[in-house]
Amino acid sequence: MNSEYLYRVKDAKTSMLVPLLLNSGIDSIQNLGSTRLTRSRRVLRDIDSSEEEEEEPVEKDNSSIQIRKRIKTSHIYSTLNDTFKSSLTEEILVPIKLDFEIDDFRIQDSFTWNLNESVISPEVFAEIMCTDLDLPIGPGLANEYISGAIYEQLEAHRYLIRQIQQRSLETVKFIEGKNYPPRLYDYSDFELRVPIN
């Protein structure tokens, strides 16, 4: 079975893999036509021109399309017991953003990752992503960067969650420590009367 997915991605038809244009000006970057607005204008222009003139359909030259043999991705399938254990934990979705350059392409992707994920690790996810995009896998290559970026962003969110929980516990202790009737004070992290410069 053959797949054209990778080559369509690398042809800049999406914003996930963007080719790096060496020695090119801003005009050539703007003429890539990879934004939704440009695509929608192109579709509207094509619709208008097809309404004006009824032409015979032109066959495409498929010789420029590179077809590669589809490689079966080795996914990890969890057992029913693992799925049940995973369903008992709270789902905390963390936004993950990847933005890096490799070879002649800039990879920009964003997705959400469950902070309490136990079925798949960031390393396995990175290897699957690199296999799908035909990126090199190995020590110091794209897969390590992807998994490292995921771990870094997950740890930053864990730290924020700990800070929020600690702050809420301190507030509860402050309220409980007062004699009846309790006095509640509203504290903020910044002074509201100071103008923003």
N, C-alpha and C. Protein backbone atom coordinates (compact mmCIF):
# COMPACT_ATOMS: atom_id res chain seq x y z
N MET A 1 0.84 -1.17 0.00
CA MET A 1 0.00 0.00 0.00
C MET A 1 0.89 1.24 0.00
N ASN A 2 0.56 2.22 -0.82
CA ASN A 2 1.37 3.43 -0.95
C ASN A 2 0.69 4.61 -0.26
N SER A 3 1.48 5.59 0.13
CA SER A 3 0.96 6.75 0.81
C SER A 3 1.60 8.01 0.26
N GLU A 4 0.79 9.05 0.06
CA GLU A 4 1.29 10.34 -0.39
C GLU A 4 1.25 11.36 0.74
N TYR A 5 0.89 10.92 1.95
CA TYR A 5 0.70 11.84 3.08
C TYR A 5 1.94 12.67 3.37
N LEU A 6 3.08 12.01 3.51
CA LEU A 6 4.31 12.71 3.87
C LEU A 6 4.66 13.76 2.82
N TYR A 7 4.52 13.44 1.56
CA TYR A 7 4.90 14.38 0.52
C TYR A 7 3.91 15.54 0.42
N ARG A 8 2.63 15.28 0.72
CA ARG A 8 1.69 16.40 0.76
C ARG A 8 2.01 17.33 1.92
N VAL A 9 2.43 16.76 3.04
CA VAL A 9 2.81 17.59 4.20
C VAL A 9 4.05 18.40 3.87
N LYS A 10 5.02 17.79 3.21
CA LYS A 10 6.27 18.48 2.89
C LYS A 10 6.12 19.47 1.74
N ASP A 11 5.03 19.40 0.98
CA ASP A 11 4.80 20.36 -0.11
C ASP A 11 4.19 21.66 0.40
N ALA A 12 4.14 21.85 1.70
CA ALA A 12 3.64 23.07 2.35
C ALA A 12 2.15 23.26 2.14
N LYS A 13 1.41 22.18 2.05
CA LYS A 13 -0.04 22.27 1.98
C LYS A 13 -0.65 22.36 3.38
N THR A 14 0.18 22.19 4.40
CA THR A 14 -0.26 22.34 5.79
C THR A 14 0.71 23.28 6.48
N SER A 15 0.38 23.64 7.70
CA SER A 15 1.30 24.50 8.44
C SER A 15 2.12 23.71 9.45
N MET A 16 2.03 22.39 9.42
CA MET A 16 2.80 21.58 10.37
C MET A 16 4.27 21.50 9.97
N LEU A 17 4.53 21.23 8.72
CA LEU A 17 5.90 21.20 8.20
C LEU A 17 6.03 22.35 7.21
N VAL A 18 6.84 23.31 7.52
CA VAL A 18 7.02 24.47 6.66
C VAL A 18 8.44 24.43 6.11
N PRO A 19 8.59 24.44 4.77
CA PRO A 19 9.95 24.40 4.23
C PRO A 19 10.69 25.70 4.52
N LEU A 20 11.96 25.58 4.87
CA LEU A 20 12.80 26.75 5.08
C LEU A 20 13.33 27.19 3.73
N LEU A 21 13.06 28.44 3.37
CA LEU A 21 13.50 28.95 2.09
C LEU A 21 14.79 29.72 2.28
N LEU A 22 15.87 29.18 1.79
CA LEU A 22 17.16 29.83 1.92
C LEU A 22 17.33 30.85 0.79
N ASN A 23 17.92 31.98 1.11
CA ASN A 23 18.18 33.05 0.14
C ASN A 23 16.92 33.50 -0.57
N SER A 24 15.83 33.63 0.15
CA SER A 24 14.61 34.09 -0.48
C SER A 24 14.08 35.28 0.30
N GLY A 25 13.40 36.15 -0.40
CA GLY A 25 12.86 37.35 0.21
C GLY A 25 11.50 37.10 0.80
N ILE A 26 10.91 38.17 1.32
CA ILE A 26 9.60 38.06 1.95
C ILE A 26 8.52 37.79 0.92
N ASP A 27 8.72 38.21 -0.35
CA ASP A 27 7.72 37.97 -1.38
C ASP A 27 7.51 36.49 -1.62
N SER A 28 8.61 35.73 -1.67
CA SER A 28 8.46 34.30 -1.93
C SER A 28 7.82 33.58 -0.76
N ILE A 29 8.03 34.08 0.46
CA ILE A 29 7.39 33.47 1.62
C ILE A 29 5.90 33.75 1.60
N GLN A 30 5.51 34.96 1.19
CA GLN A 30 4.10 35.31 1.17
C GLN A 30 3.37 34.58 0.05
N ASN A 31 4.06 34.18 -0.99
CA ASN A 31 3.42 33.52 -2.11
C ASN A 31 3.31 32.02 -1.96
N LEU A 32 3.67 31.49 -0.79
CA LEU A 32 3.54 30.05 -0.59
C LEU A 32 2.08 29.61 -0.65
N GLY A 33 1.16 30.44 -0.20
CA GLY A 33 -0.24 30.08 -0.24
C GLY A 33 -0.61 29.01 0.77
N SER A 34 -0.03 29.06 1.93
CA SER A 34 -0.31 28.02 2.91
C SER A 34 -1.26 28.47 4.01
N THR A 35 -1.80 29.67 3.90
CA THR A 35 -2.73 30.12 4.92
C THR A 35 -4.15 29.77 4.51
N ARG A 36 -5.03 29.71 5.48
CA ARG A 36 -6.42 29.38 5.18
C ARG A 36 -7.07 30.45 4.32
N LEU A 37 -6.73 31.71 4.59
CA LEU A 37 -7.32 32.80 3.84
C LEU A 37 -6.93 32.71 2.37
N THR A 38 -5.67 32.43 2.11
CA THR A 38 -5.21 32.32 0.73
C THR A 38 -5.88 31.14 0.04
N ARG A 39 -6.00 30.02 0.76
CA ARG A 39 -6.64 28.85 0.17
C ARG A 39 -8.10 29.14 -0.13
N SER A 40 -8.79 29.84 0.78
CA SER A 40 -10.20 30.12 0.55
C SER A 40 -10.37 31.07 -0.63
N ARG A 41 -9.45 32.04 -0.77
CA ARG A 41 -9.51 32.93 -1.94
C ARG A 41 -9.29 32.15 -3.22
N ARG A 42 -8.34 31.20 -3.18
CA ARG A 42 -8.05 30.40 -4.36
C ARG A 42 -9.26 29.55 -4.74
N VAL A 43 -9.95 28.98 -3.75
CA VAL A 43 -11.13 28.17 -4.01
C VAL A 43 -12.23 29.03 -4.59
N LEU A 44 -12.45 30.23 -4.02
CA LEU A 44 -13.48 31.12 -4.56
C LEU A 44 -13.15 31.55 -5.98
N ARG A 45 -11.87 31.82 -6.26
CA ARG A 45 -11.46 32.19 -7.60
C ARG A 45 -11.71 31.04 -8.57
N ASP A 46 -11.42 29.83 -8.14
CA ASP A 46 -11.66 28.66 -8.99
C ASP A 46 -13.14 28.45 -9.25
N ILE A 47 -13.97 28.68 -8.22
CA ILE A 47 -15.41 28.53 -8.40
C ILE A 47 -15.94 29.57 -9.37
N ASP A 48 -15.49 30.83 -9.22
CA ASP A 48 -15.94 31.90 -10.12
C ASP A 48 -15.52 31.61 -11.56
N SER A 49 -14.30 31.16 -11.76
CA SER A 49 -13.84 30.90 -13.12
C SER A 49 -14.55 29.70 -13.72
N SER A 50 -14.93 28.72 -12.91
CA SER A 50 -15.61 27.56 -13.45
C SER A 50 -17.05 27.89 -13.82
N GLU A 51 -17.66 28.86 -13.14
CA GLU A 51 -19.01 29.26 -13.48
C GLU A 51 -19.03 30.05 -14.78
N GLU A 52 -17.99 30.84 -15.04
CA GLU A 52 -17.94 31.65 -16.24
C GLU A 52 -17.68 30.79 -17.48
N GLU A 53 -16.79 29.88 -17.38
CA GLU A 53 -16.42 29.06 -18.52
C GLU A 53 -16.56 27.59 -18.16
N GLU A 54 -17.30 26.87 -18.98
CA GLU A 54 -17.40 25.43 -18.79
C GLU A 54 -16.35 24.80 -19.68
N GLU A 55 -15.27 24.34 -19.05
CA GLU A 55 -14.17 23.75 -19.78
C GLU A 55 -14.11 22.26 -19.49
N GLU A 56 -13.42 21.57 -20.37
CA GLU A 56 -13.16 20.16 -20.15
C GLU A 56 -12.19 20.02 -18.99
N PRO A 57 -12.36 19.04 -18.14
CA PRO A 57 -11.40 18.86 -17.04
C PRO A 57 -10.02 18.51 -17.57
N VAL A 58 -9.03 19.17 -17.00
CA VAL A 58 -7.64 18.95 -17.40
C VAL A 58 -7.05 17.88 -16.49
N GLU A 59 -6.43 16.89 -17.10
CA GLU A 59 -5.83 15.83 -16.29
C GLU A 59 -4.52 16.31 -15.71
N LYS A 60 -4.27 15.96 -14.46
CA LYS A 60 -3.05 16.37 -13.79
C LYS A 60 -1.90 15.47 -14.20
N ASP A 61 -0.73 16.06 -14.17
CA ASP A 61 0.48 15.29 -14.41
C ASP A 61 0.95 14.74 -13.07
N ASN A 62 0.77 13.45 -12.86
CA ASN A 62 1.10 12.82 -11.58
C ASN A 62 2.55 12.39 -11.50
N SER A 63 3.36 12.76 -12.48
CA SER A 63 4.76 12.33 -12.44
C SER A 63 5.56 13.07 -11.37
N SER A 64 5.09 14.26 -10.95
CA SER A 64 5.83 15.01 -9.94
C SER A 64 5.51 14.55 -8.52
N ILE A 65 4.46 13.76 -8.36
CA ILE A 65 4.09 13.28 -7.03
C ILE A 65 4.94 12.07 -6.69
N GLN A 66 5.60 12.15 -5.55
CA GLN A 66 6.43 11.04 -5.11
C GLN A 66 5.60 10.14 -4.21
N ILE A 67 5.58 8.88 -4.53
CA ILE A 67 4.83 7.92 -3.75
C ILE A 67 5.82 7.03 -3.02
N ARG A 68 5.62 6.86 -1.73
CA ARG A 68 6.51 5.99 -0.96
C ARG A 68 5.71 4.82 -0.42
N LYS A 69 6.41 3.79 -0.13
CA LYS A 69 5.80 2.61 0.45
C LYS A 69 5.35 2.94 1.87
N ARG A 70 4.13 2.61 2.20
CA ARG A 70 3.61 2.91 3.53
C ARG A 70 4.27 1.98 4.54
N ILE A 71 4.82 2.60 5.59
CA ILE A 71 5.45 1.84 6.66
C ILE A 71 4.45 1.73 7.79
N LYS A 72 4.23 0.52 8.25
CA LYS A 72 3.28 0.31 9.33
C LYS A 72 3.86 0.88 10.62
N THR A 73 3.12 1.80 11.23
CA THR A 73 3.55 2.41 12.48
C THR A 73 3.29 1.45 13.62
N SER A 74 4.27 1.29 14.48
CA SER A 74 4.12 0.36 15.60
C SER A 74 3.50 1.09 16.79
N HIS A 75 2.18 1.05 16.86
CA HIS A 75 1.46 1.66 17.96
C HIS A 75 1.43 0.72 19.16
N ILE A 76 1.23 1.29 20.33
CA ILE A 76 1.09 0.50 21.54
C ILE A 76 -0.40 0.40 21.84
N TYR A 77 -0.89 -0.81 21.93
CA TYR A 77 -2.29 -1.03 22.25
C TYR A 77 -2.38 -1.48 23.70
N SER A 78 -3.18 -0.78 24.47
CA SER A 78 -3.28 -1.08 25.90
C SER A 78 -4.29 -2.19 26.13
N THR A 79 -4.10 -2.88 27.23
CA THR A 79 -5.04 -3.93 27.61
C THR A 79 -6.26 -3.30 28.25
N LEU A 80 -7.28 -4.09 28.44
CA LEU A 80 -8.50 -3.60 29.06
C LEU A 80 -8.24 -3.17 30.50
N ASN A 81 -7.36 -3.87 31.19
CA ASN A 81 -7.02 -3.53 32.57
C ASN A 81 -6.31 -2.16 32.62
N ASP A 82 -5.36 -1.93 31.69
CA ASP A 82 -4.66 -0.64 31.64
C ASP A 82 -5.63 0.50 31.33
N THR A 83 -6.56 0.24 30.42
CA THR A 83 -7.55 1.25 30.06
C THR A 83 -8.44 1.58 31.25
N PHE A 84 -8.82 0.55 32.01
CA PHE A 84 -9.66 0.78 33.19
C PHE A 84 -8.91 1.60 34.24
N LYS A 85 -7.63 1.27 34.49
CA LYS A 85 -6.83 2.03 35.45
C LYS A 85 -6.67 3.48 35.00
N SER A 86 -6.48 3.67 33.70
CA SER A 86 -6.32 5.02 33.17
C SER A 86 -7.60 5.82 33.30
N SER A 87 -8.74 5.15 33.19
CA SER A 87 -10.02 5.87 33.28
C SER A 87 -10.32 6.33 34.71
N LEU A 88 -9.68 5.71 35.70
CA LEU A 88 -9.91 6.10 37.09
C LEU A 88 -9.15 7.36 37.49
N THR A 89 -8.11 7.71 36.75
CA THR A 89 -7.33 8.91 37.08
C THR A 89 -7.97 10.14 36.45
N GLU A 90 -7.74 11.27 37.09
CA GLU A 90 -8.29 12.53 36.58
C GLU A 90 -7.54 12.93 35.31
N GLU A 91 -8.29 13.40 34.34
CA GLU A 91 -7.68 13.84 33.09
C GLU A 91 -7.38 15.33 33.18
N ILE A 92 -6.11 15.67 33.10
CA ILE A 92 -5.68 17.07 33.12
C ILE A 92 -4.98 17.32 31.79
N LEU A 93 -5.63 18.03 30.90
CA LEU A 93 -5.07 18.26 29.57
C LEU A 93 -4.15 19.47 29.60
N VAL A 94 -2.95 19.27 29.07
CA VAL A 94 -1.92 20.30 29.03
C VAL A 94 -1.66 20.64 27.57
N PRO A 95 -1.70 21.92 27.20
CA PRO A 95 -1.36 22.27 25.81
C PRO A 95 0.14 22.13 25.58
N ILE A 96 0.50 21.39 24.55
CA ILE A 96 1.90 21.17 24.18
C ILE A 96 2.13 21.85 22.84
N LYS A 97 3.21 22.59 22.75
CA LYS A 97 3.57 23.27 21.50
C LYS A 97 4.97 22.84 21.09
N LEU A 98 5.09 22.36 19.87
CA LEU A 98 6.38 21.99 19.30
C LEU A 98 6.72 22.99 18.20
N ASP A 99 7.93 23.48 18.22
CA ASP A 99 8.38 24.43 17.21
C ASP A 99 9.89 24.29 17.09
N PHE A 100 10.35 23.58 16.07
CA PHE A 100 11.79 23.38 15.89
C PHE A 100 12.10 23.17 14.42
N GLU A 101 13.37 23.30 14.09
CA GLU A 101 13.84 23.13 12.72
C GLU A 101 14.68 21.87 12.63
N ILE A 102 14.46 21.13 11.55
CA ILE A 102 15.27 19.95 11.27
C ILE A 102 15.41 19.85 9.76
N ASP A 103 16.62 19.58 9.31
CA ASP A 103 16.94 19.52 7.88
C ASP A 103 16.48 20.80 7.20
N ASP A 104 15.60 20.68 6.22
CA ASP A 104 15.13 21.85 5.48
C ASP A 104 13.71 22.25 5.86
N PHE A 105 13.23 21.79 7.01
CA PHE A 105 11.85 22.03 7.39
C PHE A 105 11.76 22.58 8.80
N ARG A 106 10.73 23.36 9.02
CA ARG A 106 10.40 23.86 10.36
C ARG A 106 9.12 23.14 10.77
N ILE A 107 9.16 22.48 11.90
CA ILE A 107 8.01 21.72 12.37
C ILE A 107 7.31 22.54 13.45
N GLN A 108 6.03 22.82 13.21
CA GLN A 108 5.20 23.57 14.14
C GLN A 108 3.94 22.75 14.38
N ASP A 109 3.74 22.35 15.61
CA ASP A 109 2.58 21.53 15.94
C ASP A 109 2.14 21.85 17.36
N SER A 110 0.87 21.73 17.60
CA SER A 110 0.35 21.91 18.96
C SER A 110 -0.76 20.88 19.18
N PHE A 111 -0.80 20.36 20.38
CA PHE A 111 -1.78 19.34 20.74
C PHE A 111 -1.90 19.34 22.25
N THR A 112 -2.82 18.55 22.78
CA THR A 112 -2.97 18.45 24.23
C THR A 112 -2.48 17.08 24.68
N TRP A 113 -1.92 17.04 25.88
CA TRP A 113 -1.39 15.81 26.47
C TRP A 113 -1.97 15.68 27.87
N ASN A 114 -2.41 14.49 28.20
CA ASN A 114 -2.94 14.24 29.54
C ASN A 114 -1.78 14.20 30.53
N LEU A 115 -1.84 15.03 31.54
CA LEU A 115 -0.77 15.09 32.54
C LEU A 115 -0.62 13.77 33.29
N ASN A 116 -1.72 13.04 33.44
CA ASN A 116 -1.70 11.75 34.14
C ASN A 116 -1.69 10.57 33.17
N GLU A 117 -1.14 10.76 31.99
CA GLU A 117 -1.11 9.70 30.97
C GLU A 117 -0.24 8.54 31.43
N SER A 118 -0.80 7.32 31.34
CA SER A 118 -0.05 6.14 31.74
C SER A 118 0.03 5.10 30.63
N VAL A 119 -0.69 5.29 29.54
CA VAL A 119 -0.72 4.30 28.48
C VAL A 119 0.45 4.47 27.52
N ILE A 120 0.77 5.70 27.16
CA ILE A 120 1.85 5.95 26.20
C ILE A 120 2.79 7.00 26.79
N SER A 121 4.06 6.80 26.58
CA SER A 121 5.06 7.75 27.10
C SER A 121 5.42 8.76 26.01
N PRO A 122 5.96 9.91 26.38
CA PRO A 122 6.38 10.88 25.37
C PRO A 122 7.44 10.33 24.42
N GLU A 123 8.29 9.41 24.89
CA GLU A 123 9.31 8.82 24.00
C GLU A 123 8.67 8.02 22.88
N VAL A 124 7.67 7.20 23.24
CA VAL A 124 6.99 6.38 22.23
C VAL A 124 6.22 7.28 21.27
N PHE A 125 5.55 8.30 21.80
CA PHE A 125 4.82 9.24 20.95
C PHE A 125 5.77 9.92 19.97
N ALA A 126 6.94 10.32 20.46
CA ALA A 126 7.92 11.01 19.60
C ALA A 126 8.42 10.08 18.50
N GLU A 127 8.67 8.82 18.82
CA GLU A 127 9.12 7.88 17.79
C GLU A 127 8.05 7.66 16.73
N ILE A 128 6.79 7.56 17.15
CA ILE A 128 5.69 7.38 16.20
C ILE A 128 5.56 8.61 15.31
N MET A 129 5.65 9.80 15.91
CA MET A 129 5.56 11.04 15.13
C MET A 129 6.70 11.14 14.12
N CYS A 130 7.91 10.80 14.55
CA CYS A 130 9.06 10.86 13.64
C CYS A 130 8.93 9.84 12.52
N THR A 131 8.41 8.66 12.82
CA THR A 131 8.20 7.65 11.79
C THR A 131 7.18 8.14 10.77
N ASP A 132 6.08 8.73 11.24
CA ASP A 132 5.04 9.22 10.34
C ASP A 132 5.54 10.35 9.45
N LEU A 133 6.41 11.21 9.98
CA LEU A 133 6.92 12.35 9.21
C LEU A 133 8.25 12.06 8.53
N ASP A 134 8.72 10.83 8.63
CA ASP A 134 9.98 10.40 8.01
C ASP A 134 11.15 11.24 8.52
N LEU A 135 11.18 11.46 9.83
CA LEU A 135 12.27 12.19 10.47
C LEU A 135 13.25 11.20 11.08
N PRO A 136 14.51 11.59 11.23
CA PRO A 136 15.50 10.65 11.79
C PRO A 136 15.22 10.35 13.26
N ILE A 137 15.43 9.07 13.61
CA ILE A 137 15.22 8.62 14.98
C ILE A 137 16.56 8.14 15.53
N GLY A 138 16.89 8.59 16.72
CA GLY A 138 18.14 8.17 17.34
C GLY A 138 18.55 9.15 18.41
N PRO A 139 19.68 8.87 19.07
CA PRO A 139 20.14 9.77 20.13
C PRO A 139 20.52 11.14 19.57
N GLY A 140 20.00 12.19 20.18
CA GLY A 140 20.30 13.55 19.77
C GLY A 140 19.54 14.01 18.53
N LEU A 141 18.54 13.26 18.10
CA LEU A 141 17.80 13.64 16.89
C LEU A 141 16.39 14.10 17.26
N ALA A 142 15.51 14.17 16.27
CA ALA A 142 14.19 14.78 16.44
C ALA A 142 13.36 14.11 17.53
N ASN A 143 13.45 12.79 17.64
CA ASN A 143 12.61 12.12 18.64
C ASN A 143 12.97 12.53 20.06
N GLU A 144 14.25 12.73 20.34
CA GLU A 144 14.65 13.17 21.68
C GLU A 144 14.22 14.61 21.93
N TYR A 145 14.27 15.45 20.91
CA TYR A 145 13.82 16.83 21.09
C TYR A 145 12.33 16.87 21.39
N ILE A 146 11.55 16.09 20.65
CA ILE A 146 10.09 16.09 20.84
C ILE A 146 9.73 15.60 22.23
N SER A 147 10.31 14.46 22.64
CA SER A 147 9.98 13.93 23.98
C SER A 147 10.48 14.87 25.08
N GLY A 148 11.65 15.49 24.89
CA GLY A 148 12.16 16.45 25.87
C GLY A 148 11.26 17.67 26.00
N ALA A 149 10.76 18.17 24.86
CA ALA A 149 9.87 19.33 24.89
C ALA A 149 8.56 18.98 25.60
N ILE A 150 8.06 17.77 25.38
CA ILE A 150 6.83 17.35 26.05
C ILE A 150 7.06 17.27 27.56
N TYR A 151 8.16 16.61 27.97
CA TYR A 151 8.46 16.49 29.40
C TYR A 151 8.63 17.87 30.05
N GLU A 152 9.30 18.77 29.36
CA GLU A 152 9.55 20.11 29.91
C GLU A 152 8.25 20.86 30.15
N GLN A 153 7.34 20.80 29.17
CA GLN A 153 6.07 21.51 29.31
C GLN A 153 5.16 20.85 30.34
N LEU A 154 5.22 19.52 30.45
CA LEU A 154 4.44 18.83 31.47
C LEU A 154 4.93 19.18 32.87
N GLU A 155 6.26 19.25 33.04
CA GLU A 155 6.82 19.58 34.35
C GLU A 155 6.47 21.03 34.74
N ALA A 156 6.45 21.93 33.77
CA ALA A 156 6.07 23.31 34.05
C ALA A 156 4.62 23.37 34.54
N HIS A 157 3.74 22.57 33.94
CA HIS A 157 2.34 22.57 34.39
C HIS A 157 2.19 21.88 35.74
N ARG A 158 2.97 20.85 36.00
CA ARG A 158 2.93 20.23 37.33
C ARG A 158 3.33 21.24 38.40
N TYR A 159 4.36 22.03 38.12
CA TYR A 159 4.81 23.05 39.06
C TYR A 159 3.70 24.08 39.30
N LEU A 160 3.03 24.51 38.24
CA LEU A 160 1.93 25.48 38.39
C LEU A 160 0.79 24.90 39.22
N ILE A 161 0.48 23.64 38.98
CA ILE A 161 -0.60 23.01 39.74
C ILE A 161 -0.24 22.92 41.22
N ARG A 162 1.02 22.57 41.52
CA ARG A 162 1.46 22.52 42.92
C ARG A 162 1.37 23.90 43.57
N GLN A 163 1.76 24.94 42.83
CA GLN A 163 1.69 26.30 43.37
C GLN A 163 0.25 26.72 43.66
N ILE A 164 -0.65 26.38 42.75
CA ILE A 164 -2.06 26.73 42.95
C ILE A 164 -2.63 25.98 44.14
N GLN A 165 -2.31 24.69 44.26
CA GLN A 165 -2.81 23.90 45.39
C GLN A 165 -2.24 24.42 46.70
N GLN A 166 -0.97 24.77 46.72
CA GLN A 166 -0.34 25.28 47.93
C GLN A 166 -0.96 26.61 48.34
N ARG A 167 -1.21 27.47 47.37
CA ARG A 167 -1.81 28.77 47.66
C ARG A 167 -3.23 28.60 48.20
N SER A 168 -4.00 27.66 47.64
CA SER A 168 -5.37 27.46 48.14
C SER A 168 -5.35 26.88 49.54
N LEU A 169 -4.38 26.00 49.87
CA LEU A 169 -4.28 25.47 51.23
C LEU A 169 -3.92 26.56 52.22
N GLU A 170 -3.02 27.47 51.85
CA GLU A 170 -2.65 28.57 52.74
C GLU A 170 -3.84 29.48 53.00
N THR A 171 -4.67 29.70 51.99
CA THR A 171 -5.85 30.54 52.16
C THR A 171 -6.84 29.88 53.11
N VAL A 172 -7.03 28.57 52.97
CA VAL A 172 -7.96 27.86 53.86
C VAL A 172 -7.44 27.91 55.29
N LYS A 173 -6.14 27.71 55.52
CA LYS A 173 -5.58 27.77 56.87
C LYS A 173 -5.74 29.17 57.46
N PHE A 174 -5.59 30.20 56.65
CA PHE A 174 -5.73 31.57 57.11
C PHE A 174 -7.16 31.83 57.57
N ILE A 175 -8.13 31.32 56.83
CA ILE A 175 -9.53 31.53 57.18
C ILE A 175 -9.89 30.73 58.43
N GLU A 176 -9.42 29.48 58.53
CA GLU A 176 -9.76 28.64 59.67
C GLU A 176 -9.08 29.10 60.96
N GLY A 177 -7.96 29.79 60.88
CA GLY A 177 -7.20 30.20 62.06
C GLY A 177 -7.84 31.33 62.83
N LYS A 178 -8.75 32.05 62.26
CA LYS A 178 -9.39 33.19 62.93
C LYS A 178 -10.49 32.72 63.88
N ASN A 179 -10.75 33.53 64.89
CA ASN A 179 -11.85 33.24 65.81
C ASN A 179 -13.17 33.57 65.14
N TYR A 180 -14.23 33.01 65.70
CA TYR A 180 -15.56 33.26 65.15
C TYR A 180 -15.98 34.67 65.46
N PRO A 181 -16.62 35.44 64.66
CA PRO A 181 -16.84 35.24 63.23
C PRO A 181 -15.55 35.50 62.44
N PRO A 182 -15.31 34.70 61.42
CA PRO A 182 -14.06 34.87 60.67
C PRO A 182 -14.06 36.14 59.84
N ARG A 183 -12.93 36.76 59.75
CA ARG A 183 -12.77 37.92 58.88
C ARG A 183 -12.06 37.44 57.62
N LEU A 184 -12.65 37.75 56.51
CA LEU A 184 -12.07 37.34 55.24
C LEU A 184 -11.41 38.54 54.60
N TYR A 185 -10.17 38.39 54.23
CA TYR A 185 -9.43 39.46 53.58
C TYR A 185 -9.17 39.06 52.14
N ASP A 186 -9.30 40.01 51.27
CA ASP A 186 -9.06 39.76 49.85
C ASP A 186 -7.67 40.26 49.51
N TYR A 187 -6.78 39.35 49.20
CA TYR A 187 -5.43 39.71 48.79
C TYR A 187 -5.28 39.43 47.30
N SER A 188 -4.54 40.28 46.63
CA SER A 188 -4.25 40.04 45.22
C SER A 188 -2.74 40.03 45.03
N ASP A 189 -2.32 39.47 43.92
CA ASP A 189 -0.89 39.36 43.64
C ASP A 189 -0.28 40.67 43.17
N PHE A 190 -1.10 41.61 42.81
CA PHE A 190 -0.58 42.88 42.30
C PHE A 190 -1.47 44.01 42.80
N GLU A 191 -0.94 45.19 42.78
CA GLU A 191 -1.67 46.36 43.25
C GLU A 191 -2.54 46.86 42.11
N LEU A 192 -3.84 46.95 42.35
CA LEU A 192 -4.77 47.33 41.30
C LEU A 192 -4.76 48.83 41.02
N ARG A 193 -4.32 49.64 42.00
CA ARG A 193 -4.36 51.09 41.81
C ARG A 193 -3.16 51.62 41.05
N VAL A 194 -2.16 50.79 40.84
CA VAL A 194 -0.97 51.25 40.13
C VAL A 194 -1.24 51.14 38.63
N PRO A 195 -1.04 52.24 37.89
CA PRO A 195 -1.29 52.17 36.45
C PRO A 195 -0.26 51.27 35.75
N ILE A 196 -0.72 50.64 34.70
CA ILE A 196 0.16 49.77 33.92
C ILE A 196 0.95 50.63 32.95
N ASN A 197 2.25 50.47 32.95
CA ASN A 197 3.10 51.26 32.05
C ASN A 197 3.26 50.58 30.72
